[in-house]
C-alpha atoms as a PDB file:
ATOM      1  CA  MET A   1      22.350  22.589 -40.869  1.00  0.00           C
ATOM      2  CA  ASN A   2      20.341  20.499 -38.421  1.00  0.00           C
ATOM      3  CA  ILE A   3      21.970  19.442 -35.154  1.00  0.00           C
ATOM      4  CA  LEU A   4      21.379  16.490 -32.832  1.00  0.00           C
ATOM      5  CA  LEU A   5      22.355  16.534 -29.155  1.00  0.00           C
ATOM      6  CA  THR A   6      22.454  13.003 -27.776  1.00  0.00           C
ATOM      7  CA  SER A   7      21.782  11.947 -24.167  1.00  0.00           C
ATOM      8  CA  ALA A   8      20.588  15.517 -23.797  1.00  0.00           C
ATOM      9  CA  GLY A   9      19.025  15.056 -20.356  1.00  0.00           C
ATOM     10  CA  ARG A  10      19.116  18.318 -18.392  1.00  0.00           C
ATOM     11  CA  ARG A  11      21.347  20.147 -20.878  1.00  0.00           C
ATOM     12  CA  THR A  12      18.890  22.971 -21.507  1.00  0.00           C
ATOM     13  CA  GLY A  13      21.621  25.628 -21.573  1.00  0.00           C
ATOM     14  CA  LEU A  14      23.626  23.678 -24.137  1.00  0.00           C
ATOM     15  CA  THR A  15      20.531  23.046 -26.255  1.00  0.00           C
ATOM     16  CA  THR A  16      19.550  26.716 -26.186  1.00  0.00           C
ATOM     17  CA  ALA A  17      23.085  27.798 -27.137  1.00  0.00           C
ATOM     18  CA  PHE A  18      23.023  25.545 -30.198  1.00  0.00           C
ATOM     19  CA  LYS A  19      19.568  26.825 -31.150  1.00  0.00           C
ATOM     20  CA  GLN A  20      20.832  30.408 -31.030  1.00  0.00           C
ATOM     21  CA  ALA A  21      23.765  29.427 -33.261  1.00  0.00           C
ATOM     22  CA  ALA A  22      21.661  27.439 -35.738  1.00  0.00           C
ATOM     23  CA  ARG A  23      18.683  29.777 -36.037  1.00  0.00           C
ATOM     24  CA  PRO A  24      20.335  32.395 -38.318  1.00  0.00           C
ATOM     25  CA  LEU A  25      21.263  29.564 -40.682  1.00  0.00           C
ATOM     26  CA  GLY A  26      17.763  28.123 -40.760  1.00  0.00           C
ATOM     27  CA  GLY A  27      18.823  24.994 -38.891  1.00  0.00           C
ATOM     28  CA  ALA A  28      16.948  23.013 -36.247  1.00  0.00           C
ATOM     29  CA  VAL A  29      18.311  21.538 -33.030  1.00  0.00           C
ATOM     30  CA  TYR A  30      16.994  18.133 -31.987  1.00  0.00           C
ATOM     31  CA  THR A  31      17.530  16.191 -28.772  1.00  0.00           C
ATOM     32  CA  ALA A  32      17.733  12.451 -28.208  1.00  0.00           C
ATOM     33  CA  ASP A  33      17.324  10.693 -24.872  1.00  0.00           C
ATOM     34  CA  ILE A  34      15.831   7.610 -23.272  1.00  0.00           C
ATOM     35  CA  ASP A  35      13.704   9.819 -20.996  1.00  0.00           C
ATOM     36  CA  ALA A  36      10.530  11.412 -22.370  1.00  0.00           C
ATOM     37  CA  LEU A  37      10.677  14.021 -19.603  1.00  0.00           C
ATOM     38  CA  ALA A  38      14.283  15.033 -20.196  1.00  0.00           C
ATOM     39  CA  PRO A  39      14.173  18.837 -19.738  1.00  0.00           C
ATOM     40  CA  ALA A  40      16.220  19.464 -22.899  1.00  0.00           C
ATOM     41  CA  HIS A  41      13.304  18.134 -24.974  1.00  0.00           C
ATOM     42  CA  GLN A  42      11.221  21.090 -23.815  1.00  0.00           C
ATOM     43  CA  VAL A  43      13.568  23.653 -25.380  1.00  0.00           C
ATOM     44  CA  SER A  44      14.665  21.772 -28.515  1.00  0.00           C
ATOM     45  CA  ASP A  45      12.999  21.875 -31.932  1.00  0.00           C
ATOM     46  CA  GLY A  46      12.133  18.191 -31.741  1.00  0.00           C
ATOM     47  CA  SER A  47      13.013  15.090 -29.754  1.00  0.00           C
ATOM     48  CA  PHE A  48      13.684  11.421 -30.341  1.00  0.00           C
ATOM     49  CA  ARG A  49      13.465   8.349 -28.172  1.00  0.00           C
ATOM     50  CA  VAL A  50      16.616   6.229 -28.123  1.00  0.00           C
ATOM     51  CA  PRO A  51      17.783   3.165 -26.192  1.00  0.00           C
ATOM     52  CA  ARG A  52      20.519   3.372 -23.574  1.00  0.00           C
ATOM     53  CA  ALA A  53      23.947   4.208 -24.914  1.00  0.00           C
ATOM     54  CA  THR A  54      25.134   0.745 -23.837  1.00  0.00           C
ATOM     55  CA  ASP A  55      22.458  -0.988 -25.940  1.00  0.00           C
ATOM     56  CA  PRO A  56      23.862  -2.561 -29.151  1.00  0.00           C
ATOM     57  CA  SER A  57      21.114  -0.845 -31.159  1.00  0.00           C
ATOM     58  CA  TYR A  58      22.088   2.645 -29.975  1.00  0.00           C
ATOM     59  CA  PRO A  59      24.319   3.693 -32.914  1.00  0.00           C
ATOM     60  CA  HIS A  60      21.869   2.218 -35.419  1.00  0.00           C
ATOM     61  CA  ARG A  61      19.017   4.272 -33.968  1.00  0.00           C
ATOM     62  CA  LEU A  62      21.124   7.445 -34.140  1.00  0.00           C
ATOM     63  CA  LEU A  63      22.094   6.720 -37.744  1.00  0.00           C
ATOM     64  CA  GLU A  64      18.412   6.350 -38.551  1.00  0.00           C
ATOM     65  CA  ILE A  65      17.608   9.717 -36.944  1.00  0.00           C
ATOM     66  CA  VAL A  66      20.506  11.401 -38.753  1.00  0.00           C
ATOM     67  CA  ASP A  67      19.454   9.977 -42.113  1.00  0.00           C
ATOM     68  CA  GLN A  68      15.788  10.889 -41.757  1.00  0.00           C
ATOM     69  CA  ASN A  69      16.306  14.419 -40.432  1.00  0.00           C
ATOM     70  CA  GLU A  70      19.271  15.724 -42.443  1.00  0.00           C
ATOM     71  CA  ILE A  71      21.479  16.033 -39.370  1.00  0.00           C
ATOM     72  CA  GLY A  72      24.840  17.623 -40.196  1.00  0.00           C
ATOM     73  CA  LEU A  73      26.292  17.778 -36.687  1.00  0.00           C
ATOM     74  CA  LEU A  74      25.926  15.254 -33.859  1.00  0.00           C
ATOM     75  CA  VAL A  75      27.075  16.286 -30.367  1.00  0.00           C
ATOM     76  CA  PRO A  76      27.359  13.628 -27.624  1.00  0.00           C
ATOM     77  CA  THR A  77      27.167  14.673 -23.971  1.00  0.00           C
ATOM     78  CA  ILE A  78      27.908  11.657 -21.723  1.00  0.00           C
ATOM     79  CA  ASP A  79      30.907   9.384 -21.285  1.00  0.00           C
ATOM     80  CA  THR A  80      29.153   6.074 -21.946  1.00  0.00           C
ATOM     81  CA  GLU A  81      28.306   6.961 -25.552  1.00  0.00           C
ATOM     82  CA  LEU A  82      31.694   8.316 -26.608  1.00  0.00           C
ATOM     83  CA  MET A  83      33.366   5.067 -27.641  1.00  0.00           C
ATOM     84  CA  VAL A  84      30.469   3.689 -29.647  1.00  0.00           C
ATOM     85  CA  LEU A  85      30.093   7.001 -31.483  1.00  0.00           C
ATOM     86  CA  ALA A  86      33.829   7.222 -32.153  1.00  0.00           C
ATOM     87  CA  GLU A  87      33.714   3.731 -33.633  1.00  0.00           C
ATOM     88  CA  SER A  88      30.752   4.750 -35.821  1.00  0.00           C
ATOM     89  CA  ARG A  89      32.144   8.108 -36.996  1.00  0.00           C
ATOM     90  CA  ALA A  90      32.708   6.903 -40.563  1.00  0.00           C
ATOM     91  CA  GLN A  91      29.105   5.725 -40.864  1.00  0.00           C
ATOM     92  CA  PHE A  92      27.835   9.138 -39.787  1.00  0.00           C
ATOM     93  CA  ALA A  93      30.216  10.810 -42.235  1.00  0.00           C
ATOM     94  CA  GLU A  94      28.742   8.740 -45.080  1.00  0.00           C
ATOM     95  CA  LEU A  95      25.413  10.413 -44.269  1.00  0.00           C
ATOM     96  CA  GLY A  96      26.996  13.870 -44.344  1.00  0.00           C
ATOM     97  CA  CYS A  97      27.062  14.200 -40.556  1.00  0.00           C
ATOM     98  CA  LEU A  98      30.026  15.162 -38.384  1.00  0.00           C
ATOM     99  CA  ALA A  99      29.894  13.190 -35.128  1.00  0.00           C
ATOM    100  CA  VAL A 100      32.047  15.533 -33.078  1.00  0.00           C
ATOM    101  CA  VAL A 101      33.762  12.997 -30.852  1.00  0.00           C
ATOM    102  CA  SER A 102      37.442  12.344 -30.192  1.00  0.00           C
ATOM    103  CA  HIS A 103      39.252   9.309 -31.570  1.00  0.00           C
ATOM    104  CA  THR A 104      39.141   5.993 -29.767  1.00  0.00           C
ATOM    105  CA  ARG A 105      42.740   6.274 -28.512  1.00  0.00           C
ATOM    106  CA  LEU A 106      41.922   9.275 -26.332  1.00  0.00           C
ATOM    107  CA  ILE A 107      38.611   7.824 -25.159  1.00  0.00           C
ATOM    108  CA  GLU A 108      40.341   4.617 -24.034  1.00  0.00           C
ATOM    109  CA  ILE A 109      42.650   6.751 -21.884  1.00  0.00           C
ATOM    110  CA  THR A 110      40.113   9.180 -20.472  1.00  0.00           C
ATOM    111  CA  THR A 111      37.356   6.730 -19.566  1.00  0.00           C
ATOM    112  CA  ASP A 112      39.729   4.642 -17.417  1.00  0.00           C
ATOM    113  CA  LYS A 113      41.208   6.550 -14.488  1.00  0.00           C
ATOM    114  CA  LEU A 114      44.089   4.112 -14.086  1.00  0.00           C
ATOM    115  CA  ALA A 115      44.969   4.445 -17.772  1.00  0.00           C
ATOM    116  CA  SER A 116      44.686   8.233 -17.403  1.00  0.00           C
ATOM    117  CA  ALA A 117      47.149   8.303 -14.508  1.00  0.00           C
ATOM    118  CA  ARG A 118      49.647   6.211 -16.454  1.00  0.00           C
ATOM    119  CA  ALA A 119      49.310   8.373 -19.575  1.00  0.00           C
ATOM    120  CA  PHE A 120      49.708  11.588 -17.564  1.00  0.00           C
ATOM    121  CA  ALA A 121      52.850  10.194 -15.938  1.00  0.00           C
ATOM    122  CA  GLU A 122      54.356   9.208 -19.279  1.00  0.00           C
ATOM    123  CA  ALA A 123      53.682  12.716 -20.620  1.00  0.00           C
ATOM    124  CA  GLY A 124      55.223  14.426 -17.598  1.00  0.00           C
ATOM    125  CA  LEU A 125      51.928  15.965 -16.477  1.00  0.00           C
ATOM    126  CA  LYS A 126      51.624  16.455 -12.734  1.00  0.00           C
ATOM    127  CA  HIS A 127      48.844  14.220 -11.362  1.00  0.00           C
ATOM    128  CA  PRO A 128      47.851  12.541  -8.075  1.00  0.00           C
ATOM    129  CA  GLN A 129      49.765   9.428  -7.068  1.00  0.00           C
ATOM    130  CA  THR A 130      47.567   6.500  -8.064  1.00  0.00           C
ATOM    131  CA  TRP A 131      47.501   2.858  -6.948  1.00  0.00           C
ATOM    132  CA  GLN A 132      45.537  -0.283  -7.591  1.00  0.00           C
ATOM    133  CA  PRO A 133      44.211  -2.264  -4.613  1.00  0.00           C
ATOM    134  CA  GLY A 134      46.818  -4.739  -3.440  1.00  0.00           C
ATOM    135  CA  ASN A 135      49.640  -2.650  -4.857  1.00  0.00           C
ATOM    136  CA  THR A 136      49.873   0.200  -2.367  1.00  0.00           C
ATOM    137  CA  PRO A 137      53.028   1.322  -0.531  1.00  0.00           C
ATOM    138  CA  ALA A 138      53.416   0.944   3.228  1.00  0.00           C
ATOM    139  CA  ASN A 139      53.576   4.699   3.762  1.00  0.00           C
ATOM    140  CA  LEU A 140      50.371   5.891   2.126  1.00  0.00           C
ATOM    141  CA  PRO A 141      49.432   9.580   2.432  1.00  0.00           C
ATOM    142  CA  ARG A 142      47.149  10.423   5.334  1.00  0.00           C
ATOM    143  CA  ALA A 143      44.371  11.630   3.035  1.00  0.00           C
ATOM    144  CA  LEU A 144      43.172   9.392   0.192  1.00  0.00           C
ATOM    145  CA  VAL A 145      40.433   9.185  -2.411  1.00  0.00           C
ATOM    146  CA  THR A 146      38.914   6.023  -3.839  1.00  0.00           C
ATOM    147  CA  LYS A 147      37.160   6.155  -7.216  1.00  0.00           C
ATOM    148  CA  PRO A 148      35.597   3.712  -9.681  1.00  0.00           C
ATOM    149  CA  ARG A 149      38.094   3.184 -12.509  1.00  0.00           C
ATOM    150  CA  LYS A 150      35.428   3.966 -15.088  1.00  0.00           C
ATOM    151  CA  GLY A 151      33.103   6.200 -13.103  1.00  0.00           C
ATOM    152  CA  SER A 152      31.905   9.735 -13.817  1.00  0.00           C
ATOM    153  CA  ALA A 153      30.048  12.649 -12.170  1.00  0.00           C
ATOM    154  CA  SER A 154      31.730  11.879  -8.812  1.00  0.00           C
ATOM    155  CA  VAL A 155      29.552   8.780  -8.374  1.00  0.00           C
ATOM    156  CA  GLY A 156      31.166   6.313  -5.965  1.00  0.00           C
ATOM    157  CA  VAL A 157      33.952   8.680  -4.893  1.00  0.00           C
ATOM    158  CA  SER A 158      34.972   8.382  -1.206  1.00  0.00           C
ATOM    159  CA  PHE A 159      37.484  10.304   0.892  1.00  0.00           C
ATOM    160  CA  CYS A 160      39.240   8.278   3.539  1.00  0.00           C
ATOM    161  CA  ALA A 161      42.273   7.611   5.724  1.00  0.00           C
ATOM    162  CA  PRO A 162      44.530   4.584   5.085  1.00  0.00           C
ATOM    163  CA  ASN A 163      42.921   2.556   7.887  1.00  0.00           C
ATOM    164  CA  GLU A 164      39.522   2.931   6.204  1.00  0.00           C
ATOM    165  CA  LEU A 165      40.672   1.495   2.886  1.00  0.00           C
ATOM    166  CA  PRO A 166      39.901  -2.195   3.563  1.00  0.00           C
ATOM    167  CA  GLY A 167      36.227  -1.482   4.216  1.00  0.00           C
ATOM    168  CA  LEU A 168      35.848   0.645   1.099  1.00  0.00           C
ATOM    169  CA  LEU A 169      37.724  -1.760  -1.155  1.00  0.00           C
ATOM    170  CA  ALA A 170      35.553  -4.643   0.039  1.00  0.00           C
ATOM    171  CA  ARG A 171      32.507  -2.956  -1.511  1.00  0.00           C
ATOM    172  CA  SER A 172      33.840  -2.970  -5.074  1.00  0.00           C
ATOM    173  CA  ASP A 173      36.489  -4.742  -7.125  1.00  0.00           C
ATOM    174  CA  ASP A 174      36.863  -1.879  -9.609  1.00  0.00           C
ATOM    175  CA  LEU A 175      38.343   0.957  -7.563  1.00  0.00           C
ATOM    176  CA  ILE A 176      41.552   2.926  -7.738  1.00  0.00           C
ATOM    177  CA  ILE A 177      43.240   4.754  -4.876  1.00  0.00           C
ATOM    178  CA  GLN A 178      44.671   8.258  -5.191  1.00  0.00           C
ATOM    179  CA  GLU A 179      46.302  10.727  -2.885  1.00  0.00           C
ATOM    180  CA  PHE A 180      44.004  13.577  -1.927  1.00  0.00           C
ATOM    181  CA  ILE A 181      45.189  16.896  -3.358  1.00  0.00           C
ATOM    182  CA  ASP A 182      44.033  19.920  -1.388  1.00  0.00           C
ATOM    183  CA  GLY A 183      43.403  23.193  -3.224  1.00  0.00           C
ATOM    184  CA  ASP A 184      40.989  25.067  -5.449  1.00  0.00           C
ATOM    185  CA  GLU A 185      39.437  22.872  -8.116  1.00  0.00           C
ATOM    186  CA  ILE A 186      39.333  24.272 -11.624  1.00  0.00           C
ATOM    187  CA  THR A 187      37.608  23.161 -14.787  1.00  0.00           C
ATOM    188  CA  VAL A 188      38.738  24.169 -18.262  1.00  0.00           C
ATOM    189  CA  ASP A 189      36.274  24.160 -21.142  1.00  0.00           C
ATOM    190  CA  ALA A 190      37.978  23.971 -24.508  1.00  0.00           C
ATOM    191  CA  LEU A 191      37.420  23.435 -28.207  1.00  0.00           C
ATOM    192  CA  LEU A 192      39.869  21.707 -30.557  1.00  0.00           C
ATOM    193  CA  ASP A 193      39.554  21.682 -34.329  1.00  0.00           C
ATOM    194  CA  LEU A 194      39.246  18.479 -36.347  1.00  0.00           C
ATOM    195  CA  ASN A 195      43.047  18.138 -36.459  1.00  0.00           C
ATOM    196  CA  GLY A 196      43.448  18.415 -32.699  1.00  0.00           C
ATOM    197  CA  ARG A 197      44.604  22.032 -32.664  1.00  0.00           C
ATOM    198  CA  LEU A 198      43.471  24.105 -29.682  1.00  0.00           C
ATOM    199  CA  LEU A 199      41.127  26.873 -30.826  1.00  0.00           C
ATOM    200  CA  HIS A 200      39.954  28.282 -27.509  1.00  0.00           C
ATOM    201  CA  CYS A 201      39.733  27.527 -23.809  1.00  0.00           C
ATOM    202  CA  VAL A 202      38.178  29.032 -20.681  1.00  0.00           C
ATOM    203  CA  PRO A 203      39.471  28.073 -17.226  1.00  0.00           C
ATOM    204  CA  ARG A 204      37.027  28.508 -14.354  1.00  0.00           C
ATOM    205  CA  ARG A 205      37.114  27.915 -10.624  1.00  0.00           C
ATOM    206  CA  ARG A 206      34.437  25.577  -9.325  1.00  0.00           C
ATOM    207  CA  ILE A 207      32.925  27.407  -6.373  1.00  0.00           C
ATOM    208  CA  ARG A 208      30.168  24.903  -5.685  1.00  0.00           C
ATOM    209  CA  THR A 209      29.072  21.619  -7.221  1.00  0.00           C
ATOM    210  CA  LEU A 210      25.961  19.450  -6.972  1.00  0.00           C
ATOM    211  CA  CYS A 211      26.080  15.771  -7.951  1.00  0.00           C
ATOM    212  CA  GLY A 212      29.434  16.356  -9.606  1.00  0.00           C
ATOM    213  CA  GLU A 213      28.235  19.274 -11.745  1.00  0.00           C
ATOM    214  CA  SER A 214      29.262  22.890 -11.320  1.00  0.00           C
ATOM    215  CA  ILE A 215      26.440  25.148 -10.117  1.00  0.00           C
ATOM    216  CA  GLN A 216      28.595  28.127  -9.126  1.00  0.00           C
ATOM    217  CA  GLY A 217      31.833  29.230 -10.752  1.00  0.00           C
ATOM    218  CA  VAL A 218      33.957  32.113 -11.984  1.00  0.00           C
ATOM    219  CA  THR A 219      36.211  32.436 -15.028  1.00  0.00           C
ATOM    220  CA  LEU A 220      39.925  32.725 -14.284  1.00  0.00           C
ATOM    221  CA  SER A 221      42.822  34.548 -15.875  1.00  0.00           C
ATOM    222  CA  PRO A 222      45.141  32.292 -17.885  1.00  0.00           C
ATOM    223  CA  LYS A 223      48.146  34.371 -16.848  1.00  0.00           C
ATOM    224  CA  SER A 224      49.704  31.900 -14.394  1.00  0.00           C
ATOM    225  CA  ILE A 225      48.549  28.674 -16.062  1.00  0.00           C
ATOM    226  CA  GLY A 226      48.721  29.480 -19.781  1.00  0.00           C
ATOM    227  CA  ASP A 227      51.845  27.413 -20.468  1.00  0.00           C
ATOM    228  CA  TRP A 228      50.404  24.477 -18.542  1.00  0.00           C
ATOM    229  CA  LEU A 229      47.152  24.683 -20.515  1.00  0.00           C
ATOM    230  CA  MET A 230      49.026  24.583 -23.814  1.00  0.00           C
ATOM    231  CA  LYS A 231      50.967  21.536 -22.604  1.00  0.00           C
ATOM    232  CA  VAL A 232      47.811  19.685 -21.555  1.00  0.00           C
ATOM    233  CA  PHE A 233      45.959  20.398 -24.795  1.00  0.00           C
ATOM    234  CA  SER A 234      49.007  19.414 -26.826  1.00  0.00           C
ATOM    235  CA  PHE A 235      48.804  16.062 -25.008  1.00  0.00           C
ATOM    236  CA  VAL A 236      45.073  15.820 -25.789  1.00  0.00           C
ATOM    237  CA  GLY A 237      45.425  16.735 -29.456  1.00  0.00           C
ATOM    238  CA  ALA A 238      48.331  14.343 -30.011  1.00  0.00           C
ATOM    239  CA  ARG A 239      46.149  11.476 -28.792  1.00  0.00           C
ATOM    240  CA  GLY A 240      43.204  12.123 -31.048  1.00  0.00           C
ATOM    241  CA  GLY A 241      41.312  14.804 -29.169  1.00  0.00           C
ATOM    242  CA  LEU A 242      38.955  16.978 -31.192  1.00  0.00           C
ATOM    243  CA  GLY A 243      35.863  19.058 -30.585  1.00  0.00           C
ATOM    244  CA  PRO A 244      34.766  19.886 -27.033  1.00  0.00           C
ATOM    245  CA  ILE A 245      37.145  18.904 -24.233  1.00  0.00           C
ATOM    246  CA  THR A 246      36.760  19.441 -20.481  1.00  0.00           C
ATOM    247  CA  ILE A 247      39.630  19.050 -18.039  1.00  0.00           C
ATOM    248  CA  GLN A 248      39.630  19.118 -14.245  1.00  0.00           C
ATOM    249  CA  ALA A 249      42.596  20.018 -12.091  1.00  0.00           C
ATOM    250  CA  ILE A 250      43.648  21.330  -8.690  1.00  0.00           C
ATOM    251  CA  LEU A 251      45.611  24.564  -8.433  1.00  0.00           C
ATOM    252  CA  SER A 252      49.007  23.700  -6.952  1.00  0.00           C
ATOM    253  CA  ASP A 253      52.692  24.637  -7.254  1.00  0.00           C
ATOM    254  CA  PRO A 254      54.589  24.804  -9.521  1.00  0.00           C
ATOM    255  CA  GLU A 255      51.733  23.881 -11.872  1.00  0.00           C
ATOM    256  CA  PRO A 256      48.176  22.556 -11.516  1.00  0.00           C
ATOM    257  CA  THR A 257      47.636  18.897 -10.710  1.00  0.00           C
ATOM    258  CA  LEU A 258      45.684  17.275 -13.546  1.00  0.00           C
ATOM    259  CA  ILE A 259      42.816  15.124 -12.271  1.00  0.00           C
ATOM    260  CA  GLU A 260      40.958  14.033 -15.389  1.00  0.00           C
ATOM    261  CA  ILE A 261      40.109  14.799 -18.998  1.00  0.00           C
ATOM    262  CA  ASN A 262      36.606  14.440 -20.443  1.00  0.00           C
ATOM    263  CA  PRO A 263      36.330  14.535 -24.264  1.00  0.00           C
ATOM    264  CA  ARG A 264      32.885  16.151 -24.261  1.00  0.00           C
ATOM    265  CA  PHE A 265      31.104  19.276 -23.070  1.00  0.00           C
ATOM    266  CA  GLY A 266      31.172  19.765 -19.309  1.00  0.00           C
ATOM    267  CA  GLY A 267      28.030  20.559 -17.360  1.00  0.00           C
ATOM    268  CA  GLY A 268      29.229  24.076 -16.541  1.00  0.00           C
ATOM    269  CA  VAL A 269      30.082  25.070 -20.118  1.00  0.00           C
ATOM    270  CA  PRO A 270      27.312  27.727 -20.281  1.00  0.00           C
ATOM    271  CA  LEU A 271      29.653  29.902 -18.192  1.00  0.00           C
ATOM    272  CA  ALA A 272      32.298  29.608 -20.923  1.00  0.00           C
ATOM    273  CA  PHE A 273      29.690  30.502 -23.548  1.00  0.00           C
ATOM    274  CA  ALA A 274      28.655  33.599 -21.591  1.00  0.00           C
ATOM    275  CA  ALA A 275      32.320  34.608 -21.288  1.00  0.00           C
ATOM    276  CA  GLY A 276      32.830  34.598 -25.052  1.00  0.00           C
ATOM    277  CA  ALA A 277      33.341  30.976 -26.118  1.00  0.00           C
ATOM    278  CA  LYS A 278      31.328  30.597 -29.325  1.00  0.00           C
ATOM    279  CA  TYR A 279      31.709  26.831 -29.447  1.00  0.00           C
ATOM    280  CA  PRO A 280      28.308  26.038 -31.012  1.00  0.00           C
ATOM    281  CA  GLU A 281      28.930  28.527 -33.853  1.00  0.00           C
ATOM    282  CA  TRP A 282      32.469  27.259 -34.390  1.00  0.00           C
ATOM    283  CA  LEU A 283      31.381  23.615 -34.424  1.00  0.00           C
ATOM    284  CA  ILE A 284      28.768  24.434 -37.055  1.00  0.00           C
ATOM    285  CA  ASP A 285      31.517  26.080 -39.117  1.00  0.00           C
ATOM    286  CA  LEU A 286      33.788  23.039 -38.730  1.00  0.00           C
ATOM    287  CA  ALA A 287      30.979  20.705 -39.756  1.00  0.00           C
ATOM    288  CA  ALA A 288      30.431  22.877 -42.835  1.00  0.00           C
ATOM    289  CA  GLY A 289      34.105  22.628 -43.764  1.00  0.00           C
ATOM    290  CA  LYS A 290      34.940  26.206 -42.815  1.00  0.00           C
ATOM    291  CA  ALA A 291      38.171  27.215 -41.099  1.00  0.00           C
ATOM    292  CA  VAL A 292      38.051  28.556 -37.540  1.00  0.00           C
ATOM    293  CA  GLU A 293      40.974  30.693 -36.424  1.00  0.00           C
ATOM    294  CA  PRO A 294      42.294  30.244 -32.885  1.00  0.00           C
ATOM    295  CA  GLY A 295      41.731  32.876 -30.223  1.00  0.00           C
ATOM    296  CA  VAL A 296      42.861  30.695 -27.364  1.00  0.00           C
ATOM    297  CA  PHE A 297      42.537  33.074 -24.404  1.00  0.00           C
ATOM    298  CA  ASP A 298      39.986  35.514 -25.805  1.00  0.00           C
ATOM    299  CA  TYR A 299      37.250  35.542 -23.137  1.00  0.00           C
ATOM    300  CA  GLU A 300      35.961  37.584 -20.199  1.00  0.00           C
ATOM    301  CA  VAL A 301      37.831  37.026 -16.934  1.00  0.00           C
ATOM    302  CA  GLY A 302      35.981  37.365 -13.625  1.00  0.00           C
ATOM    303  CA  LEU A 303      32.522  36.380 -14.883  1.00  0.00           C
ATOM    304  CA  TYR A 304      30.488  34.496 -12.273  1.00  0.00           C
ATOM    305  CA  MET A 305      27.784  31.893 -12.804  1.00  0.00           C
ATOM    306  CA  THR A 306      25.180  30.673 -10.352  1.00  0.00           C
ATOM    307  CA  ARG A 307      22.429  28.181 -11.130  1.00  0.00           C
ATOM    308  CA  SER A 308      18.992  27.373  -9.777  1.00  0.00           C
ATOM    309  CA  LEU A 309      16.401  24.696 -10.412  1.00  0.00           C
ATOM    310  CA  THR A 310      13.537  25.653 -12.694  1.00  0.00           C
ATOM    311  CA  GLU A 311      10.335  23.810 -13.516  1.00  0.00           C
ATOM    312  CA  THR A 312       8.752  22.972 -16.849  1.00  0.00           C
ATOM    313  CA  PHE A 313       5.189  21.703 -17.144  1.00  0.00           C
ATOM    314  CA  THR A 314       3.676  19.716 -19.994  1.00  0.00           C
ATOM    315  CA  ARG A 315       0.510  17.765 -20.612  1.00  0.00           C
ATOM    316  CA  GLN A 316       1.980  16.046 -23.641  1.00  0.00           C
ATOM    317  CA  PRO A 317       5.415  14.383 -23.312  1.00  0.00           C
ATOM    318  CA  PRO A 318       6.925  13.501 -26.701  1.00  0.00           C
ATOM    319  CA  TRP A 319       6.301   9.779 -26.013  1.00  0.00           C
END
């Protein structure tokens, strides 16, 4: 089975993990990106130039690549391509390719932070109080966060006091306001099967981040948060979640405070892989129609990850 990672960018660890899973089966792992110097191209078996995910021709170009290269599994990696791929899933399936992306219902919720807050509230999931500009109470919390409604990777996020809100809100008409929740931030990498059933998950504490991506972390025991995790992933599965899911939360009492859900691989997922999460192998099995049995909390606790920048040199970019 050949595999295509889209918007691969700097996902060298993810690309390498899929290569290790595909190699025993004789499969190749390809990367697609707009950037000829995307580092993932240097470790993949081949690379393809594609337009931006927001370009109307994007799904057509991917379908062309899938058709010409016998791709059986397509794995998206960024938020902006999720909806268009979810809407094109049937077309990929006609070519014998599983586009492993959640259904549109979940993507509509998770790519809009205001919609997320409302959905979390309806499901009884603890989350930060959230307001739209012009609809805030008189007694706002002393510590606040403003975020783009449809942002990602912490871009445009600001921490402020109530008296600083007018200046921040004047810069953009697409912000939400949330209470600031103090505490340790955790990320949970997970894999759901094609029916939305949780197969496995690995919670980790984010020790240090850079540009919104985890560069230092440690895997956590599920002992105190196991019931909460099952509740969150039941919510995700019931709304069309499948494949890789990443959630972010703050440790708090009596249960974590859910911040956001991303229906894709998170940047720090190599730590989950190292701890025992065989997501690339299991996704290949799912794409081949094989059953994968759950082992939800079967992973190594207390495994640390730290990252560094590395350089790759080439005299011949792919385009």
